[in-house]
N, C-alpha and C. Protein backbone atom coordinates (compact mmCIF):
# COMPACT_ATOMS: atom_id res chain seq x y z
N ASP A 1 1.96 24.89 -27.16
CA ASP A 1 2.09 23.49 -27.14
C ASP A 1 1.16 22.69 -28.14
N ALA A 2 -0.07 23.09 -28.12
CA ALA A 2 -1.05 22.55 -28.91
C ALA A 2 -0.69 22.73 -30.50
N LEU A 3 -0.13 23.80 -30.84
CA LEU A 3 0.16 24.03 -32.34
C LEU A 3 1.36 23.14 -32.66
N ARG A 4 2.28 22.97 -31.68
CA ARG A 4 3.38 22.12 -32.05
C ARG A 4 3.03 20.62 -32.15
N ALA A 5 1.89 20.27 -31.46
CA ALA A 5 1.40 18.86 -31.56
C ALA A 5 0.55 18.68 -32.82
N GLY A 6 0.22 19.58 -33.55
CA GLY A 6 -0.49 19.55 -34.86
C GLY A 6 -1.92 20.08 -34.79
N LEU A 7 -2.31 20.81 -33.80
CA LEU A 7 -3.61 21.36 -33.72
C LEU A 7 -3.58 22.52 -34.67
N PRO A 8 -4.66 22.57 -35.57
CA PRO A 8 -4.84 23.71 -36.61
C PRO A 8 -4.97 25.02 -35.88
N ARG A 9 -4.59 26.16 -36.51
CA ARG A 9 -4.67 27.40 -35.92
C ARG A 9 -6.16 27.90 -35.77
N CYS A 10 -6.93 27.47 -36.77
CA CYS A 10 -8.44 27.81 -36.80
C CYS A 10 -9.19 27.07 -35.86
N SER A 11 -8.70 26.13 -35.13
CA SER A 11 -9.69 25.35 -34.30
C SER A 11 -10.02 26.22 -33.00
N GLY A 12 -11.24 25.80 -32.39
CA GLY A 12 -11.58 26.57 -31.13
C GLY A 12 -12.38 25.77 -30.20
N ALA A 13 -12.75 26.32 -29.14
CA ALA A 13 -13.51 25.49 -28.19
C ALA A 13 -14.82 26.38 -27.88
N ALA A 14 -15.73 26.43 -28.74
CA ALA A 14 -16.90 27.34 -28.48
C ALA A 14 -18.04 26.39 -27.78
N LEU A 15 -18.84 27.22 -27.01
CA LEU A 15 -19.89 26.54 -26.27
C LEU A 15 -21.09 26.83 -27.10
N GLY A 16 -21.68 25.88 -27.88
CA GLY A 16 -22.84 26.06 -28.64
C GLY A 16 -24.10 26.00 -27.86
N MET A 17 -25.24 26.44 -28.48
CA MET A 17 -26.50 26.38 -27.82
C MET A 17 -26.92 25.06 -27.47
N ASP A 18 -26.60 24.07 -28.21
CA ASP A 18 -26.96 22.63 -27.87
C ASP A 18 -26.15 22.24 -26.69
N ARG A 19 -24.95 22.51 -26.51
CA ARG A 19 -24.13 22.12 -25.37
C ARG A 19 -24.61 22.97 -24.10
N LEU A 20 -25.00 24.23 -24.33
CA LEU A 20 -25.43 25.02 -23.16
C LEU A 20 -26.70 24.38 -22.69
N ALA A 21 -27.66 24.12 -23.56
CA ALA A 21 -28.88 23.45 -23.11
C ALA A 21 -28.69 22.11 -22.46
N MET A 22 -27.68 21.36 -22.86
CA MET A 22 -27.38 20.09 -22.39
C MET A 22 -26.96 20.25 -20.88
N LEU A 23 -26.07 21.33 -20.71
CA LEU A 23 -25.67 21.58 -19.31
C LEU A 23 -26.72 22.03 -18.41
N LEU A 24 -27.58 22.97 -18.93
CA LEU A 24 -28.75 23.69 -18.17
C LEU A 24 -29.77 22.59 -17.83
N LEU A 25 -29.97 21.72 -18.73
CA LEU A 25 -31.07 20.74 -18.41
C LEU A 25 -30.48 19.38 -17.77
N GLY A 26 -29.25 19.31 -17.44
CA GLY A 26 -28.69 18.18 -16.83
C GLY A 26 -28.76 16.86 -17.60
N LYS A 27 -28.66 17.09 -18.96
CA LYS A 27 -28.57 15.77 -19.81
C LYS A 27 -27.33 15.35 -20.05
N GLU A 28 -27.14 14.03 -20.33
CA GLU A 28 -25.85 13.48 -20.53
C GLU A 28 -25.36 13.58 -21.98
N THR A 29 -26.22 13.62 -22.92
CA THR A 29 -25.71 13.70 -24.24
C THR A 29 -26.38 14.84 -25.04
N ILE A 30 -25.77 15.23 -26.02
CA ILE A 30 -26.34 16.33 -26.99
C ILE A 30 -27.67 15.92 -27.64
N ALA A 31 -27.76 14.55 -27.97
CA ALA A 31 -28.84 13.97 -28.66
C ALA A 31 -30.11 14.12 -27.79
N ASP A 32 -29.94 14.16 -26.48
CA ASP A 32 -31.08 14.36 -25.50
C ASP A 32 -31.66 15.74 -25.66
N VAL A 33 -31.07 16.69 -26.19
CA VAL A 33 -31.56 18.19 -26.33
C VAL A 33 -31.70 18.67 -27.74
N THR A 34 -31.23 17.82 -28.78
CA THR A 34 -31.44 18.36 -30.13
C THR A 34 -32.56 17.67 -30.84
N TYR A 35 -33.17 18.36 -31.88
CA TYR A 35 -34.31 17.80 -32.58
C TYR A 35 -33.75 16.72 -33.51
N ARG A 36 -34.60 15.55 -33.42
CA ARG A 36 -34.10 14.39 -34.31
C ARG A 36 -35.08 14.27 -35.47
């Protein structure tokens, strides 16, 4: 269904280290766990 709606074949849903840190630390945004 997603491909018929126009989603490219090469897209994905990976869990990056920044998102994992966000979840483990209970932060609301990625900016709270990334270096600025």
